[in-house]
Amino acid sequence: MGELTERPAVGDVHAAWGKWVRYLVPLVYLGVLVAFITDILVEVFFIPFGILYIPLVCTAVFHRNPRSAWWLASIASTMAVIGFFLPVVNPIPSQGIVVRLLSIGAIFITAALVRYARVIQTQLADQTARAEAAERVKTDVFVTLSEEMQTPLQAMVGLTAVMVADCRPDQREALQQVRGGSTRLLATIANLIDLTNLDERPLANELIDVTFMIRQAVEAGQQMASERQIALELALPGNTLTAKADPWAVRRILDNLIANAVKFSPAGSTIELTAEQHPRSVTLLVRDAGIGMSADILRRLGEPYFQELAGSNGTGTGLALSRRLARAMGAELAFDSEIGCGTTAMLELPA
């Protein structure tokens, strides 16, 4: 099974970091204890041992209570004082006191900085938690509303299809526009729902019949192409092509590529679909004779809510979904286009 590998959730990052903290903090405490014992047993005045207790204060950032910085600073300062007064032999007391006072000052300055960092960390964690909760609510509301919209739209598409088949010639064009708009809106809603729920959907990694899936996608897109007087032409090899991928994901990508090609192709043109077998991959090509795209648009193609061409009525979610699905399957989706020369979409699947 293949899964989407996007940016990890905040909770996952904290959990992974927590594993390191469990080992790091005890090691710091052990190191400070060794430094303290050495400080008591050995009088070396050119080494400010009190500075070695600063890591003890820095571990306060891992504690939930911001006041822990002051508690640890007090402990470190006490250790610095004990390290000076406990030894019996103290040949240079004045220099030792200066070193200890400097160490204690550094400890409390560190404590103030660590406490401030902990307060900021707590605030950021709270804000992140609230933002994630709000995002979950927004996503749930969005998905619910989208699913509620699908039912009446599907009824509208079916009803207009029946009315187009039995209507006056002067009504046919208007009904076809209603049906086409409803179909496009349904596709957009489906893409948005899939894009929203993609992280929660595992993808399969199984052998699929690529040739069969292309034929299915062409049959599904034939109605939309016919309404715009566009021909869909298949150029497939005689043998069956197989690839390792998720069948649902491949079909969604093909549907979006065909819909995108139909949307930007002029009436009377032809969209060609081909498949090529390579030693380690199968490449699917969707070529159209549309208006093409500039290099700037190609760079942004696939961003959600980016309208591919100025004045287009799309949201960009179809290609954004397609690119994420391809990446999740270990496939590659690329585009080659030039203004006035059409566009070629290339989907490369592992064989």
Protein backbone atom coordinates (compact mmCIF):
# COMPACT_ATOMS: atom_id res chain seq x y z
CA MET A 1 0.00 0.00 0.00
CA GLY A 2 1.30 3.45 -0.85
CA GLU A 3 0.49 6.49 1.19
CA LEU A 4 0.80 10.21 0.64
CA THR A 5 4.00 11.62 2.09
CA GLU A 6 3.22 15.26 2.66
CA ARG A 7 4.33 17.64 5.36
CA PRO A 8 4.10 15.82 8.77
CA ALA A 9 1.49 16.96 11.24
CA VAL A 10 2.58 19.05 14.22
CA GLY A 11 1.64 16.26 16.61
CA ASP A 12 3.87 13.79 14.73
CA VAL A 13 6.83 16.19 14.90
CA HIS A 14 6.34 16.67 18.65
CA ALA A 15 6.08 12.91 19.17
CA ALA A 16 9.31 12.28 17.24
CA TRP A 17 11.11 15.05 19.14
CA GLY A 18 9.76 13.68 22.44
CA LYS A 19 11.62 10.40 21.84
CA TRP A 20 14.92 12.29 21.66
CA VAL A 21 14.09 14.38 24.74
CA ARG A 22 13.63 11.24 26.84
CA TYR A 23 17.28 10.36 26.20
CA LEU A 24 18.76 13.86 25.89
CA VAL A 25 17.59 15.39 29.19
CA PRO A 26 18.92 12.54 31.44
CA LEU A 27 22.26 12.73 29.63
CA VAL A 28 22.45 16.49 30.27
CA TYR A 29 21.65 15.96 33.96
CA LEU A 30 24.29 13.24 34.17
CA GLY A 31 26.87 15.50 32.54
CA VAL A 32 26.09 18.36 34.93
CA LEU A 33 26.39 15.97 37.91
CA VAL A 34 29.84 14.84 36.73
CA ALA A 35 30.88 18.50 36.32
CA PHE A 36 29.61 19.25 39.84
CA ILE A 37 31.55 16.39 41.40
CA THR A 38 34.68 17.43 39.51
CA ASP A 39 34.11 21.02 40.64
CA ILE A 40 34.11 19.89 44.27
CA LEU A 41 37.13 17.60 44.07
CA VAL A 42 39.37 19.68 41.82
CA GLU A 43 40.24 23.37 42.27
CA VAL A 44 40.98 24.74 38.80
CA PHE A 45 40.29 28.49 38.79
CA PHE A 46 40.92 29.16 35.11
CA ILE A 47 37.88 26.98 34.25
CA PRO A 48 34.53 28.61 35.21
CA PHE A 49 32.76 25.40 36.22
CA GLY A 50 29.56 27.31 36.85
CA ILE A 51 29.17 27.78 33.09
CA LEU A 52 28.91 23.99 32.77
CA TYR A 53 25.61 24.15 34.67
CA ILE A 54 23.93 26.25 32.00
CA PRO A 55 22.80 23.14 30.00
CA LEU A 56 20.86 22.16 33.14
CA VAL A 57 18.91 25.43 32.86
CA CYS A 58 18.38 24.99 29.12
CA THR A 59 16.49 21.75 29.69
CA ALA A 60 13.70 23.87 31.22
CA VAL A 61 12.39 24.43 27.71
CA PHE A 62 11.26 20.79 27.69
CA HIS A 63 9.15 21.21 30.84
CA ARG A 64 5.53 22.32 30.61
CA ASN A 65 5.79 24.88 33.42
CA PRO A 66 7.70 28.04 32.36
CA ARG A 67 8.77 28.58 36.01
CA SER A 68 10.97 25.50 35.78
CA ALA A 69 13.69 27.75 34.32
CA TRP A 70 13.97 29.62 37.63
CA TRP A 71 13.96 26.40 39.67
CA LEU A 72 16.75 24.92 37.60
CA ALA A 73 18.66 28.22 37.70
CA SER A 74 18.47 28.17 41.49
CA ILE A 75 19.76 24.61 41.57
CA ALA A 76 22.62 25.47 39.19
CA SER A 77 23.53 28.56 41.22
CA THR A 78 23.54 26.52 44.43
CA MET A 79 25.85 24.01 42.76
CA ALA A 80 28.16 26.87 41.70
CA VAL A 81 28.29 28.23 45.27
CA ILE A 82 28.88 24.77 46.79
CA GLY A 83 31.63 24.12 44.27
CA PHE A 84 33.45 27.20 45.55
CA PHE A 85 33.00 26.92 49.33
CA LEU A 86 33.07 23.15 49.88
CA PRO A 87 36.73 22.43 48.98
CA VAL A 88 39.07 22.77 51.96
CA VAL A 89 41.93 24.22 49.92
CA ASN A 90 41.14 27.50 48.19
CA PRO A 91 44.38 29.35 47.49
CA ILE A 92 42.93 32.23 45.40
CA PRO A 93 39.55 33.04 46.95
CA SER A 94 39.11 36.47 45.31
CA GLN A 95 39.54 35.12 41.77
CA GLY A 96 37.27 32.19 42.57
CA ILE A 97 34.48 34.47 43.81
CA VAL A 98 34.63 36.59 40.64
CA VAL A 99 34.44 33.48 38.47
CA ARG A 100 31.51 32.11 40.47
CA LEU A 101 29.61 35.40 40.36
CA LEU A 102 30.08 35.60 36.60
CA SER A 103 28.88 32.01 36.28
CA ILE A 104 25.80 32.67 38.40
CA GLY A 105 25.00 35.79 36.36
CA ALA A 106 25.29 33.79 33.14
CA ILE A 107 23.03 31.12 34.63
CA PHE A 108 20.24 33.56 35.47
CA ILE A 109 20.51 35.36 32.13
CA THR A 110 20.16 31.97 30.46
CA ALA A 111 17.18 31.20 32.70
CA ALA A 112 15.44 34.41 31.62
CA LEU A 113 16.00 33.62 27.95
CA VAL A 114 14.89 30.00 28.35
CA ARG A 115 11.74 31.04 30.21
CA TYR A 116 10.89 33.54 27.47
CA ALA A 117 11.49 30.85 24.84
CA ARG A 118 9.24 28.44 26.74
CA VAL A 119 6.44 31.03 26.95
CA ILE A 120 6.68 31.68 23.21
CA GLN A 121 6.78 27.93 22.55
CA THR A 122 3.62 27.43 24.63
CA GLN A 123 1.83 30.25 22.86
CA LEU A 124 2.78 28.89 19.45
CA ALA A 125 1.64 25.39 20.43
CA ASP A 126 -1.72 26.76 21.60
CA GLN A 127 -2.16 28.80 18.43
CA THR A 128 -1.24 25.78 16.30
CA ALA A 129 -3.73 23.59 18.14
CA ARG A 130 -6.49 26.19 17.68
CA ALA A 131 -5.61 26.61 14.01
CA GLU A 132 -5.68 22.86 13.44
CA ALA A 133 -9.03 22.57 15.22
CA ALA A 134 -10.46 25.41 13.13
CA GLU A 135 -9.07 23.81 9.97
CA ARG A 136 -10.72 20.49 10.87
CA VAL A 137 -14.06 22.22 11.46
CA LYS A 138 -13.74 24.15 8.19
CA THR A 139 -12.84 20.97 6.30
CA ASP A 140 -15.77 19.03 7.81
CA VAL A 141 -18.21 21.82 6.95
CA PHE A 142 -16.79 22.13 3.43
CA VAL A 143 -16.98 18.40 2.73
CA THR A 144 -20.52 18.18 4.14
CA LEU A 145 -21.75 21.10 2.04
CA SER A 146 -20.02 19.75 -1.06
CA GLU A 147 -21.62 16.34 -0.64
CA GLU A 148 -25.01 17.97 -0.11
CA MET A 149 -24.57 19.90 -3.36
CA GLN A 150 -23.72 16.78 -5.34
CA THR A 151 -27.20 15.22 -5.08
CA PRO A 152 -29.21 18.08 -6.65
CA LEU A 153 -26.50 18.62 -9.27
CA GLN A 154 -26.60 14.96 -10.28
CA ALA A 155 -30.38 15.20 -10.57
CA MET A 156 -30.00 18.33 -12.69
CA VAL A 157 -27.51 16.62 -15.03
CA GLY A 158 -29.81 13.62 -15.46
CA LEU A 159 -32.90 15.76 -15.99
CA THR A 160 -31.26 18.01 -18.59
CA ALA A 161 -29.96 14.94 -20.43
CA VAL A 162 -33.52 13.69 -20.76
CA MET A 163 -34.78 17.13 -21.79
CA VAL A 164 -32.05 17.56 -24.43
CA ALA A 165 -33.11 14.29 -26.05
CA ASP A 166 -36.71 15.51 -26.40
CA CYS A 167 -36.82 19.27 -26.85
CA ARG A 168 -37.24 21.91 -29.53
CA PRO A 169 -34.14 22.89 -31.51
CA ASP A 170 -34.20 26.41 -30.07
CA GLN A 171 -34.06 24.96 -26.53
CA ARG A 172 -31.29 22.46 -27.11
CA GLU A 173 -28.33 24.85 -26.87
CA ALA A 174 -29.51 26.38 -23.58
CA LEU A 175 -30.16 22.96 -22.05
CA GLN A 176 -26.75 21.73 -23.17
CA GLN A 177 -25.12 24.72 -21.51
CA VAL A 178 -26.97 23.98 -18.26
CA ARG A 179 -25.96 20.33 -18.46
CA GLY A 180 -22.34 21.17 -19.28
CA GLY A 181 -22.11 23.69 -16.44
CA SER A 182 -23.63 21.25 -13.96
CA THR A 183 -21.24 18.51 -15.07
CA ARG A 184 -18.21 20.78 -14.68
CA LEU A 185 -19.40 21.88 -11.24
CA LEU A 186 -19.84 18.26 -10.19
CA ALA A 187 -16.30 17.47 -11.36
CA THR A 188 -14.92 20.48 -9.46
CA ILE A 189 -16.72 19.46 -6.26
CA ALA A 190 -15.44 15.89 -6.61
CA ASN A 191 -11.86 17.17 -7.09
CA LEU A 192 -12.14 19.45 -4.06
CA ILE A 193 -13.46 16.64 -1.86
CA ASP A 194 -10.72 14.26 -3.01
CA LEU A 195 -8.05 16.94 -2.58
CA THR A 196 -9.29 17.64 0.95
CA ASN A 197 -9.44 13.98 2.01
CA LEU A 198 -6.35 12.81 0.14
CA ASP A 199 -4.12 12.46 3.20
CA GLU A 200 -6.58 10.01 4.77
CA ARG A 201 -6.93 7.80 1.71
CA PRO A 202 -4.37 4.98 1.28
CA LEU A 203 -3.39 4.17 -2.30
CA ALA A 204 -2.94 0.67 -3.65
CA ASN A 205 0.15 -0.52 -5.50
CA GLU A 206 -1.08 -3.24 -7.82
CA LEU A 207 -0.79 -4.32 -11.44
CA ILE A 208 -3.39 -2.57 -13.60
CA ASP A 209 -4.37 -2.82 -17.26
CA VAL A 210 -3.43 0.62 -18.53
CA THR A 211 -4.98 0.06 -21.97
CA PHE A 212 -8.35 -0.81 -20.46
CA MET A 213 -8.28 2.23 -18.17
CA ILE A 214 -7.53 4.58 -21.07
CA ARG A 215 -10.48 3.19 -23.03
CA GLN A 216 -12.74 3.65 -20.00
CA ALA A 217 -11.62 7.26 -19.54
CA VAL A 218 -12.19 8.03 -23.23
CA GLU A 219 -15.71 6.56 -23.11
CA ALA A 220 -16.50 8.66 -20.04
CA GLY A 221 -15.21 11.86 -21.67
CA GLN A 222 -16.83 11.26 -25.05
CA GLN A 223 -20.08 13.04 -24.18
CA MET A 224 -18.32 16.16 -22.96
CA ALA A 225 -16.08 16.23 -26.06
CA SER A 226 -19.01 15.69 -28.43
CA GLU A 227 -20.92 18.63 -26.96
CA ARG A 228 -17.96 20.85 -27.84
CA GLN A 229 -17.50 19.18 -31.26
CA ILE A 230 -14.11 17.75 -30.30
CA ALA A 231 -12.93 14.29 -31.33
CA LEU A 232 -11.11 11.90 -28.97
CA GLU A 233 -8.68 9.69 -30.87
CA LEU A 234 -6.99 6.59 -29.44
CA ALA A 235 -3.58 5.39 -30.64
CA LEU A 236 -2.75 2.36 -28.55
CA PRO A 237 -0.35 -0.54 -29.18
CA GLY A 238 -1.80 -3.96 -29.93
CA ASN A 239 -0.47 -5.59 -26.77
CA THR A 240 -1.82 -4.99 -23.27
CA LEU A 241 0.13 -2.47 -21.20
CA THR A 242 0.43 -3.05 -17.45
CA ALA A 243 1.78 -0.83 -14.70
CA LYS A 244 1.97 -0.81 -10.89
CA ALA A 245 -0.35 1.89 -9.58
CA ASP A 246 -3.64 2.61 -7.86
CA PRO A 247 -6.52 2.11 -10.36
CA TRP A 248 -8.71 4.81 -8.79
CA ALA A 249 -5.89 7.35 -8.84
CA VAL A 250 -4.93 6.62 -12.46
CA ARG A 251 -8.54 6.96 -13.56
CA ARG A 252 -8.93 10.28 -11.71
CA ILE A 253 -5.78 11.61 -13.36
CA LEU A 254 -6.93 10.54 -16.84
CA ASP A 255 -10.39 12.06 -16.33
CA ASN A 256 -8.85 15.37 -15.26
CA LEU A 257 -6.36 15.44 -18.14
CA ILE A 258 -9.09 14.76 -20.71
CA ALA A 259 -11.43 17.34 -19.15
CA ASN A 260 -8.64 19.92 -19.13
CA ALA A 261 -7.76 19.20 -22.77
CA VAL A 262 -11.41 19.46 -23.85
CA LYS A 263 -11.87 22.74 -21.96
CA PHE A 264 -9.05 24.50 -23.82
CA SER A 265 -9.38 22.90 -27.27
CA PRO A 266 -11.21 24.69 -30.09
CA ALA A 267 -14.30 23.18 -31.72
CA GLY A 268 -13.45 20.82 -34.56
CA SER A 269 -10.06 19.84 -33.14
CA THR A 270 -8.82 16.40 -32.07
CA ILE A 271 -7.42 15.20 -28.76
CA GLU A 272 -5.08 12.24 -29.13
CA LEU A 273 -4.45 9.70 -26.37
CA THR A 274 -1.51 7.33 -26.70
CA ALA A 275 0.45 4.96 -24.49
CA GLU A 276 4.05 3.88 -24.86
CA GLN A 277 5.78 0.88 -23.28
CA HIS A 278 9.29 1.39 -21.91
CA PRO A 279 11.55 -1.11 -20.10
CA ARG A 280 10.71 0.24 -16.66
CA SER A 281 7.68 2.43 -17.21
CA VAL A 282 4.51 3.07 -19.19
CA THR A 283 3.95 6.60 -20.49
CA LEU A 284 0.45 7.93 -21.14
CA LEU A 285 0.17 10.97 -23.42
CA VAL A 286 -2.78 13.33 -23.86
CA ARG A 287 -2.18 15.75 -26.75
CA ASP A 288 -4.51 18.58 -27.66
CA ALA A 289 -4.45 21.32 -30.28
CA GLY A 290 -5.56 24.05 -27.91
CA ILE A 291 -4.24 27.54 -27.36
CA GLY A 292 -1.24 26.29 -25.36
CA MET A 293 0.42 27.77 -22.30
CA SER A 294 3.40 29.98 -21.60
CA ALA A 295 6.41 28.93 -19.54
CA ASP A 296 5.21 31.06 -16.59
CA ILE A 297 1.85 29.28 -16.53
CA LEU A 298 3.52 25.87 -16.85
CA ARG A 299 5.59 26.58 -13.74
CA ARG A 300 2.45 27.25 -11.70
CA LEU A 301 0.34 24.56 -13.28
CA GLY A 302 -1.01 22.22 -10.63
CA GLU A 303 -1.27 24.78 -7.84
CA PRO A 304 -4.71 24.64 -6.16
CA TYR A 305 -7.01 27.52 -7.04
CA PHE A 306 -4.70 28.74 -9.80
CA GLN A 307 -6.64 29.47 -12.97
CA GLU A 308 -4.55 28.02 -15.74
CA LEU A 309 -5.38 30.73 -18.27
CA ALA A 310 -6.57 34.28 -17.84
CA GLY A 311 -10.33 34.40 -18.01
CA SER A 312 -10.77 30.65 -17.55
CA ASN A 313 -13.56 29.41 -15.32
CA GLY A 314 -11.53 26.69 -13.61
CA THR A 315 -10.11 26.46 -10.10
CA GLY A 316 -6.96 24.45 -10.87
CA THR A 317 -7.99 21.73 -8.41
CA GLY A 318 -8.15 19.00 -11.05
CA LEU A 319 -4.50 19.32 -12.01
CA ALA A 320 -3.47 19.90 -8.38
CA LEU A 321 -5.19 16.64 -7.43
CA SER A 322 -3.62 14.85 -10.40
CA ARG A 323 -0.11 15.96 -9.48
CA ARG A 324 -0.49 14.90 -5.85
CA LEU A 325 -1.91 11.52 -6.87
CA ALA A 326 0.95 10.95 -9.31
CA ARG A 327 3.52 11.86 -6.67
CA ALA A 328 1.87 9.55 -4.12
CA MET A 329 2.07 6.60 -6.52
CA GLY A 330 5.72 7.22 -7.41
CA ALA A 331 4.65 8.31 -10.89
CA GLU A 332 5.50 11.51 -12.75
CA LEU A 333 3.09 13.99 -14.34
CA ALA A 334 4.61 16.60 -16.66
CA PHE A 335 3.37 19.06 -19.26
CA ASP A 336 4.87 20.31 -22.50
CA SER A 337 3.20 23.29 -24.10
CA GLU A 338 3.71 26.33 -26.28
CA ILE A 339 1.43 29.24 -27.02
CA GLY A 340 -0.64 28.46 -30.12
CA CYS A 341 0.74 24.92 -30.47
CA GLY A 342 -1.35 22.93 -27.99
CA THR A 343 -0.37 21.01 -24.87
CA THR A 344 0.90 17.50 -24.18
CA ALA A 345 0.35 15.95 -20.75
CA MET A 346 2.65 13.03 -19.90
CA LEU A 347 1.90 10.56 -17.11
CA GLU A 348 4.71 8.08 -16.49
CA LEU A 349 3.79 5.02 -14.41
CA PRO A 350 6.25 2.41 -13.12
CA ALA A 351 5.93 -0.77 -15.19
